[in-house]
Amino acid sequence: MNQFMTNQPIIRILDILLVWYLIYRLLMYARGTQMMNLLKGVGIFLIAKSVSSLAGLQTVDWLLGQVLSWGVVAMIILFQPELRRALEILGRDLFKNRKSRNNPSEKLINDIEKSVQYMSKRKIGALISIEGQDGLGDYISTGIPLDAEITNQLLINIFIPNTPLHDGAVIIRDYQIAAASCYLPLSDSTLIPKELGTRHRAAIGLSEVSDAVTVIVSEETGDISVVKGDKMNRALDRNEFRNILEEYLFVDEDDSKDIFQVIRDFLNDSLQRGDK
């Protein structure tokens, strides 16, 4: 049976896809954390081992092999909390019915819109950055870690003046508030209008080094601005602000469903029919 299975091209393709998916999920989980630096180091070791093997450097190849073999044990010891959290997430989300929960990007947009409109009317200054593909781990580490579920009430409460967390930026990662009171890099551009304050300069500075989306509420005027890349949208009304958030942040889960999600949904449906 084993020989029959291994001779099937579909099984081989599935094997490759599963390995690719596991590597992809590992990289997404490690993005913006210290584990990513470790993975880069492992990648360098793998490349060096391949080169030494091709070049016939037997001693170097043997030493690198020993390092990689014991490195697995070292990773388990050093990154025990991260690995445990990854396994908890896997166990919690593997068979979760995706139809039973709201689109997280839509909820994110709704909470940001409600909180920003509330603060804009009362001229409460705010600075909210949403992480994109570029990790913001360095800036998250400068603030107060929260790892909290996003609600518009929490966002409003963070930026209430004279509270411990109101000064600085809130950074959102993976649909959670990763940290508050974070320091963002200030832009040195001479093209920034003089009437824009520190919050706008920090938002532009972050856009110069990452693909994050940053929302600013002016404390002086209550104006709402959104910065991403080299584009700043200023003095947005409610409809304009909503449209920009949907353009930058909305993710259609049905369009992004891959083969593994299809398999998972099929298993969910089968289990539900079995329970009935």
C-alpha atoms as a PDB file:
ATOM      1  CA  MET A   1       0.000   0.000   0.000  1.00  0.00           C
ATOM      2  CA  ASN A   2       2.847   2.375   0.858  1.00  0.00           C
ATOM      3  CA  GLN A   3       4.535   1.722  -2.499  1.00  0.00           C
ATOM      4  CA  PHE A   4       1.239   2.231  -4.312  1.00  0.00           C
ATOM      5  CA  MET A   5       0.603   5.530  -2.555  1.00  0.00           C
ATOM      6  CA  THR A   6       4.080   6.928  -3.189  1.00  0.00           C
ATOM      7  CA  ASN A   7       3.839   6.154  -6.901  1.00  0.00           C
ATOM      8  CA  GLN A   8       0.780   8.358  -7.280  1.00  0.00           C
ATOM      9  CA  PRO A   9       1.621  11.852  -8.607  1.00  0.00           C
ATOM     10  CA  ILE A  10      -1.369  13.406  -6.815  1.00  0.00           C
ATOM     11  CA  ILE A  11      -0.008  12.188  -3.475  1.00  0.00           C
ATOM     12  CA  ARG A  12       3.388  13.691  -4.261  1.00  0.00           C
ATOM     13  CA  ILE A  13       1.842  17.000  -5.253  1.00  0.00           C
ATOM     14  CA  LEU A  14      -0.266  17.011  -2.080  1.00  0.00           C
ATOM     15  CA  ASP A  15       2.860  16.255  -0.062  1.00  0.00           C
ATOM     16  CA  ILE A  16       4.657  19.254  -1.560  1.00  0.00           C
ATOM     17  CA  LEU A  17       1.638  21.522  -1.027  1.00  0.00           C
ATOM     18  CA  LEU A  18       1.336  20.499   2.618  1.00  0.00           C
ATOM     19  CA  VAL A  19       5.012  21.228   3.281  1.00  0.00           C
ATOM     20  CA  TRP A  20       4.721  24.565   1.493  1.00  0.00           C
ATOM     21  CA  TYR A  21       1.620  25.471   3.514  1.00  0.00           C
ATOM     22  CA  LEU A  22       3.279  24.582   6.833  1.00  0.00           C
ATOM     23  CA  ILE A  23       6.341  26.680   5.964  1.00  0.00           C
ATOM     24  CA  TYR A  24       4.098  29.570   4.901  1.00  0.00           C
ATOM     25  CA  ARG A  25       2.105  29.467   8.133  1.00  0.00           C
ATOM     26  CA  LEU A  26       5.302  29.304  10.170  1.00  0.00           C
ATOM     27  CA  LEU A  27       6.682  32.379   8.408  1.00  0.00           C
ATOM     28  CA  MET A  28       3.412  34.272   8.898  1.00  0.00           C
ATOM     29  CA  TYR A  29       3.377  33.372  12.591  1.00  0.00           C
ATOM     30  CA  ALA A  30       7.035  34.381  13.056  1.00  0.00           C
ATOM     31  CA  ARG A  31       6.660  37.641  11.124  1.00  0.00           C
ATOM     32  CA  GLY A  32       7.670  40.623  13.232  1.00  0.00           C
ATOM     33  CA  THR A  33       8.946  38.480  16.131  1.00  0.00           C
ATOM     34  CA  GLN A  34      12.351  37.318  17.323  1.00  0.00           C
ATOM     35  CA  MET A  35      11.619  33.894  15.870  1.00  0.00           C
ATOM     36  CA  MET A  36      11.950  35.374  12.367  1.00  0.00           C
ATOM     37  CA  ASN A  37      15.602  36.237  13.022  1.00  0.00           C
ATOM     38  CA  LEU A  38      16.181  32.652  14.139  1.00  0.00           C
ATOM     39  CA  LEU A  39      14.541  31.313  10.983  1.00  0.00           C
ATOM     40  CA  LYS A  40      16.772  33.545   8.882  1.00  0.00           C
ATOM     41  CA  GLY A  41      19.784  32.109  10.673  1.00  0.00           C
ATOM     42  CA  VAL A  42      18.558  28.566  10.022  1.00  0.00           C
ATOM     43  CA  GLY A  43      18.110  29.455   6.357  1.00  0.00           C
ATOM     44  CA  ILE A  44      21.700  30.681   6.172  1.00  0.00           C
ATOM     45  CA  PHE A  45      22.914  27.418   7.752  1.00  0.00           C
ATOM     46  CA  LEU A  46      20.913  25.366   5.237  1.00  0.00           C
ATOM     47  CA  ILE A  47      22.371  27.302   2.315  1.00  0.00           C
ATOM     48  CA  ALA A  48      25.887  26.963   3.735  1.00  0.00           C
ATOM     49  CA  LYS A  49      25.402  23.198   4.217  1.00  0.00           C
ATOM     50  CA  SER A  50      24.195  22.788   0.631  1.00  0.00           C
ATOM     51  CA  VAL A  51      27.163  24.751  -0.715  1.00  0.00           C
ATOM     52  CA  SER A  52      29.653  22.810   1.401  1.00  0.00           C
ATOM     53  CA  SER A  53      28.128  19.510   0.278  1.00  0.00           C
ATOM     54  CA  LEU A  54      28.310  20.475  -3.390  1.00  0.00           C
ATOM     55  CA  ALA A  55      31.851  21.754  -2.976  1.00  0.00           C
ATOM     56  CA  GLY A  56      32.983  18.539  -1.263  1.00  0.00           C
ATOM     57  CA  LEU A  57      33.887  20.181   2.048  1.00  0.00           C
ATOM     58  CA  GLN A  58      33.184  17.094   4.121  1.00  0.00           C
ATOM     59  CA  THR A  59      34.344  18.434   7.492  1.00  0.00           C
ATOM     60  CA  VAL A  60      32.398  21.672   7.163  1.00  0.00           C
ATOM     61  CA  ASP A  61      29.376  19.742   5.926  1.00  0.00           C
ATOM     62  CA  TRP A  62      29.543  17.399   8.944  1.00  0.00           C
ATOM     63  CA  LEU A  63      29.883  20.294  11.414  1.00  0.00           C
ATOM     64  CA  LEU A  64      26.939  22.142   9.905  1.00  0.00           C
ATOM     65  CA  GLY A  65      24.891  18.951  10.005  1.00  0.00           C
ATOM     66  CA  GLN A  66      25.590  18.571  13.706  1.00  0.00           C
ATOM     67  CA  VAL A  67      24.659  22.193  14.369  1.00  0.00           C
ATOM     68  CA  LEU A  68      21.358  21.812  12.516  1.00  0.00           C
ATOM     69  CA  SER A  69      20.561  18.524  14.277  1.00  0.00           C
ATOM     70  CA  TRP A  70      21.073  19.946  17.759  1.00  0.00           C
ATOM     71  CA  GLY A  71      19.563  23.264  16.686  1.00  0.00           C
ATOM     72  CA  VAL A  72      16.100  21.667  16.583  1.00  0.00           C
ATOM     73  CA  VAL A  73      16.410  20.782  20.272  1.00  0.00           C
ATOM     74  CA  ALA A  74      17.675  24.292  21.044  1.00  0.00           C
ATOM     75  CA  MET A  75      14.695  25.853  19.210  1.00  0.00           C
ATOM     76  CA  ILE A  76      12.225  23.803  21.272  1.00  0.00           C
ATOM     77  CA  ILE A  77      13.902  24.907  24.513  1.00  0.00           C
ATOM     78  CA  LEU A  78      14.386  28.586  23.628  1.00  0.00           C
ATOM     79  CA  PHE A  79      11.000  29.135  21.987  1.00  0.00           C
ATOM     80  CA  GLN A  80       8.803  26.964  24.173  1.00  0.00           C
ATOM     81  CA  PRO A  81       6.218  29.769  24.847  1.00  0.00           C
ATOM     82  CA  GLU A  82       5.920  30.633  21.140  1.00  0.00           C
ATOM     83  CA  LEU A  83       5.594  26.979  20.098  1.00  0.00           C
ATOM     84  CA  ARG A  84       2.967  26.360  22.781  1.00  0.00           C
ATOM     85  CA  ARG A  85       0.989  29.383  21.639  1.00  0.00           C
ATOM     86  CA  ALA A  86       1.210  28.222  18.004  1.00  0.00           C
ATOM     87  CA  LEU A  87      -0.118  24.772  18.955  1.00  0.00           C
ATOM     88  CA  GLU A  88      -2.948  26.361  20.952  1.00  0.00           C
ATOM     89  CA  ILE A  89      -3.917  28.503  17.969  1.00  0.00           C
ATOM     90  CA  LEU A  90      -3.780  25.455  15.681  1.00  0.00           C
ATOM     91  CA  GLY A  91      -5.975  23.402  17.992  1.00  0.00           C
ATOM     92  CA  ARG A  92      -8.457  26.241  18.447  1.00  0.00           C
ATOM     93  CA  ASP A  93      -8.797  27.298  14.837  1.00  0.00           C
ATOM     94  CA  LEU A  94      -8.331  24.106  12.817  1.00  0.00           C
ATOM     95  CA  PHE A  95     -11.956  22.987  12.927  1.00  0.00           C
ATOM     96  CA  LYS A  96     -13.575  26.332  13.663  1.00  0.00           C
ATOM     97  CA  ASN A  97     -16.553  26.954  11.448  1.00  0.00           C
ATOM     98  CA  ARG A  98     -15.669  30.021   9.412  1.00  0.00           C
ATOM     99  CA  LYS A  99     -19.309  30.668   8.604  1.00  0.00           C
ATOM    100  CA  SER A 100     -20.143  31.122  12.278  1.00  0.00           C
ATOM    101  CA  ARG A 101     -17.947  34.176  12.742  1.00  0.00           C
ATOM    102  CA  ASN A 102     -17.984  37.596  11.145  1.00  0.00           C
ATOM    103  CA  ASN A 103     -15.402  38.713   8.645  1.00  0.00           C
ATOM    104  CA  PRO A 104     -12.620  40.047  10.931  1.00  0.00           C
ATOM    105  CA  SER A 105     -11.604  42.753   8.461  1.00  0.00           C
ATOM    106  CA  GLU A 106     -15.164  44.091   8.374  1.00  0.00           C
ATOM    107  CA  LYS A 107     -15.305  44.183  12.174  1.00  0.00           C
ATOM    108  CA  LEU A 108     -11.939  45.953  12.235  1.00  0.00           C
ATOM    109  CA  ILE A 109     -13.205  48.603   9.830  1.00  0.00           C
ATOM    110  CA  ASN A 110     -16.412  49.114  11.835  1.00  0.00           C
ATOM    111  CA  ASP A 111     -14.608  49.511  15.155  1.00  0.00           C
ATOM    112  CA  ILE A 112     -12.021  51.916  13.749  1.00  0.00           C
ATOM    113  CA  GLU A 113     -14.715  53.981  12.024  1.00  0.00           C
ATOM    114  CA  LYS A 114     -16.901  54.263  15.139  1.00  0.00           C
ATOM    115  CA  SER A 115     -14.036  55.161  17.443  1.00  0.00           C
ATOM    116  CA  VAL A 116     -12.481  57.674  15.057  1.00  0.00           C
ATOM    117  CA  GLN A 117     -15.791  59.426  14.379  1.00  0.00           C
ATOM    118  CA  TYR A 118     -16.412  59.696  18.125  1.00  0.00           C
ATOM    119  CA  MET A 119     -12.953  61.145  18.759  1.00  0.00           C
ATOM    120  CA  SER A 120     -13.133  63.464  15.753  1.00  0.00           C
ATOM    121  CA  LYS A 121     -16.310  65.144  17.037  1.00  0.00           C
ATOM    122  CA  ARG A 122     -14.694  65.743  20.440  1.00  0.00           C
ATOM    123  CA  LYS A 123     -11.238  66.637  19.072  1.00  0.00           C
ATOM    124  CA  ILE A 124      -9.522  63.773  20.848  1.00  0.00           C
ATOM    125  CA  GLY A 125      -6.144  63.198  19.233  1.00  0.00           C
ATOM    126  CA  ALA A 126      -5.474  59.645  18.046  1.00  0.00           C
ATOM    127  CA  LEU A 127      -2.869  57.684  16.108  1.00  0.00           C
ATOM    128  CA  ILE A 128      -3.756  54.144  14.962  1.00  0.00           C
ATOM    129  CA  SER A 129      -1.465  51.998  12.770  1.00  0.00           C
ATOM    130  CA  ILE A 130      -2.563  48.727  11.181  1.00  0.00           C
ATOM    131  CA  GLU A 131       0.268  46.358  10.325  1.00  0.00           C
ATOM    132  CA  GLY A 132       0.535  45.152   6.729  1.00  0.00           C
ATOM    133  CA  GLN A 133       3.017  42.698   5.238  1.00  0.00           C
ATOM    134  CA  ASP A 134       5.956  44.535   6.814  1.00  0.00           C
ATOM    135  CA  GLY A 135       6.344  43.612  10.468  1.00  0.00           C
ATOM    136  CA  LEU A 136       6.081  46.354  13.087  1.00  0.00           C
ATOM    137  CA  GLY A 137       7.609  44.347  15.915  1.00  0.00           C
ATOM    138  CA  ASP A 138      10.316  46.941  16.597  1.00  0.00           C
ATOM    139  CA  TYR A 139       7.702  49.650  17.158  1.00  0.00           C
ATOM    140  CA  ILE A 140       5.332  47.386  19.100  1.00  0.00           C
ATOM    141  CA  SER A 141       8.166  46.705  21.569  1.00  0.00           C
ATOM    142  CA  THR A 142       8.378  50.433  22.393  1.00  0.00           C
ATOM    143  CA  GLY A 143       4.817  50.517  23.740  1.00  0.00           C
ATOM    144  CA  ILE A 144       2.693  48.815  26.359  1.00  0.00           C
ATOM    145  CA  PRO A 145       1.682  45.317  25.201  1.00  0.00           C
ATOM    146  CA  LEU A 146      -2.057  44.634  25.262  1.00  0.00           C
ATOM    147  CA  ASP A 147      -2.849  41.729  22.882  1.00  0.00           C
ATOM    148  CA  ALA A 148      -6.485  42.708  23.272  1.00  0.00           C
ATOM    149  CA  GLU A 149      -9.533  42.202  21.099  1.00  0.00           C
ATOM    150  CA  ILE A 150     -10.411  45.312  19.146  1.00  0.00           C
ATOM    151  CA  THR A 151     -13.511  47.227  20.194  1.00  0.00           C
ATOM    152  CA  ASN A 152     -14.376  50.831  19.454  1.00  0.00           C
ATOM    153  CA  GLN A 153     -14.862  51.454  23.191  1.00  0.00           C
ATOM    154  CA  LEU A 154     -11.338  50.279  23.968  1.00  0.00           C
ATOM    155  CA  LEU A 155      -9.813  52.408  21.213  1.00  0.00           C
ATOM    156  CA  ILE A 156     -11.659  55.477  22.497  1.00  0.00           C
ATOM    157  CA  ASN A 157     -10.662  54.823  26.087  1.00  0.00           C
ATOM    158  CA  ILE A 158      -6.977  54.492  25.165  1.00  0.00           C
ATOM    159  CA  PHE A 159      -6.840  57.983  23.656  1.00  0.00           C
ATOM    160  CA  ILE A 160      -8.795  59.835  26.351  1.00  0.00           C
ATOM    161  CA  PRO A 161      -6.502  62.734  27.390  1.00  0.00           C
ATOM    162  CA  ASN A 162      -4.424  62.467  30.578  1.00  0.00           C
ATOM    163  CA  THR A 163      -4.636  58.679  30.701  1.00  0.00           C
ATOM    164  CA  PRO A 164      -1.473  56.535  30.863  1.00  0.00           C
ATOM    165  CA  LEU A 165      -1.773  55.168  27.297  1.00  0.00           C
ATOM    166  CA  HIS A 166      -3.077  58.166  25.353  1.00  0.00           C
ATOM    167  CA  ASP A 167       0.342  59.495  24.291  1.00  0.00           C
ATOM    168  CA  GLY A 168       1.708  57.538  21.342  1.00  0.00           C
ATOM    169  CA  ALA A 169       0.302  55.158  18.748  1.00  0.00           C
ATOM    170  CA  VAL A 170      -1.896  52.092  18.909  1.00  0.00           C
ATOM    171  CA  ILE A 171      -0.593  49.304  16.660  1.00  0.00           C
ATOM    172  CA  ILE A 172      -2.996  46.654  15.385  1.00  0.00           C
ATOM    173  CA  ARG A 173      -1.680  43.265  14.286  1.00  0.00           C
ATOM    174  CA  ASP A 174      -3.726  40.264  13.152  1.00  0.00           C
ATOM    175  CA  TYR A 175      -7.001  41.944  14.140  1.00  0.00           C
ATOM    176  CA  GLN A 176      -5.844  42.574  17.702  1.00  0.00           C
ATOM    177  CA  ILE A 177      -4.488  45.612  19.518  1.00  0.00           C
ATOM    178  CA  ALA A 178      -0.880  44.512  19.914  1.00  0.00           C
ATOM    179  CA  ALA A 179       0.287  47.526  21.935  1.00  0.00           C
ATOM    180  CA  ALA A 180      -0.537  51.111  22.872  1.00  0.00           C
ATOM    181  CA  SER A 181       1.599  54.166  23.596  1.00  0.00           C
ATOM    182  CA  CYS A 182       4.066  53.104  20.879  1.00  0.00           C
ATOM    183  CA  TYR A 183       6.729  55.390  19.427  1.00  0.00           C
ATOM    184  CA  LEU A 184       6.766  55.740  15.646  1.00  0.00           C
ATOM    185  CA  PRO A 185       9.661  57.138  13.569  1.00  0.00           C
ATOM    186  CA  LEU A 186       9.270  60.836  12.730  1.00  0.00           C
ATOM    187  CA  SER A 187       9.698  61.815   9.103  1.00  0.00           C
ATOM    188  CA  ASP A 188      12.454  64.279   8.197  1.00  0.00           C
ATOM    189  CA  SER A 189      10.789  65.270   4.932  1.00  0.00           C
ATOM    190  CA  THR A 190      10.791  68.991   4.194  1.00  0.00           C
ATOM    191  CA  LEU A 191       7.660  68.602   2.041  1.00  0.00           C
ATOM    192  CA  ILE A 192       5.339  68.087   5.001  1.00  0.00           C
ATOM    193  CA  PRO A 193       3.078  71.134   5.492  1.00  0.00           C
ATOM    194  CA  LYS A 194       3.924  73.200   8.563  1.00  0.00           C
ATOM    195  CA  GLU A 195       0.409  72.968   9.957  1.00  0.00           C
ATOM    196  CA  LEU A 196       0.713  69.202  10.442  1.00  0.00           C
ATOM    197  CA  GLY A 197       1.817  68.140  13.895  1.00  0.00           C
ATOM    198  CA  THR A 198       3.787  65.307  15.429  1.00  0.00           C
ATOM    199  CA  ARG A 199       1.082  62.677  14.866  1.00  0.00           C
ATOM    200  CA  HIS A 200       1.039  63.322  11.121  1.00  0.00           C
ATOM    201  CA  ARG A 201       4.841  63.396  10.954  1.00  0.00           C
ATOM    202  CA  ALA A 202       4.985  60.059  12.814  1.00  0.00           C
ATOM    203  CA  ALA A 203       2.399  58.530  10.476  1.00  0.00           C
ATOM    204  CA  ILE A 204       4.375  59.678   7.429  1.00  0.00           C
ATOM    205  CA  GLY A 205       7.587  58.414   9.005  1.00  0.00           C
ATOM    206  CA  LEU A 206       6.077  54.956   9.475  1.00  0.00           C
ATOM    207  CA  SER A 207       4.777  54.948   5.896  1.00  0.00           C
ATOM    208  CA  GLU A 208       8.321  55.613   4.678  1.00  0.00           C
ATOM    209  CA  VAL A 209       9.615  52.367   6.209  1.00  0.00           C
ATOM    210  CA  SER A 210       6.581  50.046   6.016  1.00  0.00           C
ATOM    211  CA  ASP A 211       3.304  49.355   4.225  1.00  0.00           C
ATOM    212  CA  ALA A 212       1.203  50.006   7.331  1.00  0.00           C
ATOM    213  CA  VAL A 213      -2.062  51.960   7.194  1.00  0.00           C
ATOM    214  CA  THR A 214      -2.149  54.771   9.757  1.00  0.00           C
ATOM    215  CA  VAL A 215      -5.199  56.751  10.865  1.00  0.00           C
ATOM    216  CA  ILE A 216      -4.779  60.164  12.493  1.00  0.00           C
ATOM    217  CA  VAL A 217      -7.273  62.315  14.368  1.00  0.00           C
ATOM    218  CA  SER A 218      -6.087  65.893  14.842  1.00  0.00           C
ATOM    219  CA  GLU A 219      -6.342  67.204  18.390  1.00  0.00           C
ATOM    220  CA  GLU A 220      -6.533  70.798  17.149  1.00  0.00           C
ATOM    221  CA  THR A 221      -9.145  70.479  14.383  1.00  0.00           C
ATOM    222  CA  GLY A 222     -10.650  67.008  14.743  1.00  0.00           C
ATOM    223  CA  ASP A 223      -9.799  66.310  11.097  1.00  0.00           C
ATOM    224  CA  ILE A 224      -9.361  62.669  10.060  1.00  0.00           C
ATOM    225  CA  SER A 225      -6.417  61.633   7.891  1.00  0.00           C
ATOM    226  CA  VAL A 226      -5.201  58.302   6.530  1.00  0.00           C
ATOM    227  CA  VAL A 227      -1.624  57.607   5.438  1.00  0.00           C
ATOM    228  CA  LYS A 228      -0.350  54.640   3.436  1.00  0.00           C
ATOM    229  CA  GLY A 229       2.846  54.604   1.400  1.00  0.00           C
ATOM    230  CA  ASP A 230       3.405  57.946  -0.273  1.00  0.00           C
ATOM    231  CA  LYS A 231      -0.282  58.916  -0.151  1.00  0.00           C
ATOM    232  CA  MET A 232      -2.000  60.975   2.529  1.00  0.00           C
ATOM    233  CA  ASN A 233      -5.754  61.589   2.541  1.00  0.00           C
ATOM    234  CA  ARG A 234      -6.650  64.588   4.714  1.00  0.00           C
ATOM    235  CA  ALA A 235      -9.831  66.121   6.142  1.00  0.00           C
ATOM    236  CA  LEU A 236     -11.981  63.103   5.293  1.00  0.00           C
ATOM    237  CA  ASP A 237     -15.709  63.075   5.865  1.00  0.00           C
ATOM    238  CA  ARG A 238     -17.483  59.964   7.137  1.00  0.00           C
ATOM    239  CA  ASN A 239     -18.156  58.409   3.717  1.00  0.00           C
ATOM    240  CA  GLU A 240     -14.675  59.130   2.374  1.00  0.00           C
ATOM    241  CA  PHE A 241     -13.087  57.673   5.493  1.00  0.00           C
ATOM    242  CA  ARG A 242     -15.207  54.510   5.271  1.00  0.00           C
ATOM    243  CA  ASN A 243     -14.369  54.030   1.594  1.00  0.00           C
ATOM    244  CA  ILE A 244     -10.634  54.376   2.210  1.00  0.00           C
ATOM    245  CA  LEU A 245     -10.721  51.913   5.104  1.00  0.00           C
ATOM    246  CA  GLU A 246     -12.529  49.386   2.912  1.00  0.00           C
ATOM    247  CA  GLU A 247     -10.029  49.945   0.095  1.00  0.00           C
ATOM    248  CA  TYR A 248      -7.009  49.367   2.334  1.00  0.00           C
ATOM    249  CA  LEU A 249      -8.248  46.891   4.942  1.00  0.00           C
ATOM    250  CA  PHE A 250     -11.184  44.842   3.665  1.00  0.00           C
ATOM    251  CA  VAL A 251     -10.369  41.207   2.868  1.00  0.00           C
ATOM    252  CA  ASP A 252     -12.975  39.004   1.166  1.00  0.00           C
ATOM    253  CA  GLU A 253     -12.542  35.659   2.889  1.00  0.00           C
ATOM    254  CA  ASP A 254     -14.345  33.726   0.166  1.00  0.00           C
ATOM    255  CA  ASP A 255     -11.935  35.030  -2.483  1.00  0.00           C
ATOM    256  CA  SER A 256      -8.903  34.261  -0.357  1.00  0.00           C
ATOM    257  CA  LYS A 257      -9.959  30.680   0.447  1.00  0.00           C
ATOM    258  CA  ASP A 258      -7.267  28.186  -0.570  1.00  0.00           C
ATOM    259  CA  ILE A 259      -7.427  24.422  -1.047  1.00  0.00           C
ATOM    260  CA  PHE A 260      -6.645  23.755   2.615  1.00  0.00           C
ATOM    261  CA  GLN A 261      -9.507  25.968   3.749  1.00  0.00           C
ATOM    262  CA  VAL A 262     -11.824  24.152   1.345  1.00  0.00           C
ATOM    263  CA  ILE A 263     -10.780  20.808   2.879  1.00  0.00           C
ATOM    264  CA  ARG A 264     -11.267  22.191   6.384  1.00  0.00           C
ATOM    265  CA  ASP A 265     -14.763  23.500   5.555  1.00  0.00           C
ATOM    266  CA  PHE A 266     -15.651  20.138   4.012  1.00  0.00           C
ATOM    267  CA  LEU A 267     -14.582  18.350   7.201  1.00  0.00           C
ATOM    268  CA  ASN A 268     -16.564  20.840   9.295  1.00  0.00           C
ATOM    269  CA  ASP A 269     -19.709  20.220   7.260  1.00  0.00           C
ATOM    270  CA  SER A 270     -19.209  16.451   7.449  1.00  0.00           C
ATOM    271  CA  LEU A 271     -18.772  16.556  11.232  1.00  0.00           C
ATOM    272  CA  GLN A 272     -21.862  18.720  11.630  1.00  0.00           C
ATOM    273  CA  ARG A 273     -23.949  16.318   9.518  1.00  0.00           C
ATOM    274  CA  GLY A 274     -22.593  13.428  11.569  1.00  0.00           C
ATOM    275  CA  ASP A 275     -23.649  15.139  14.823  1.00  0.00           C
ATOM    276  CA  LYS A 276     -27.166  15.594  13.476  1.00  0.00           C
END
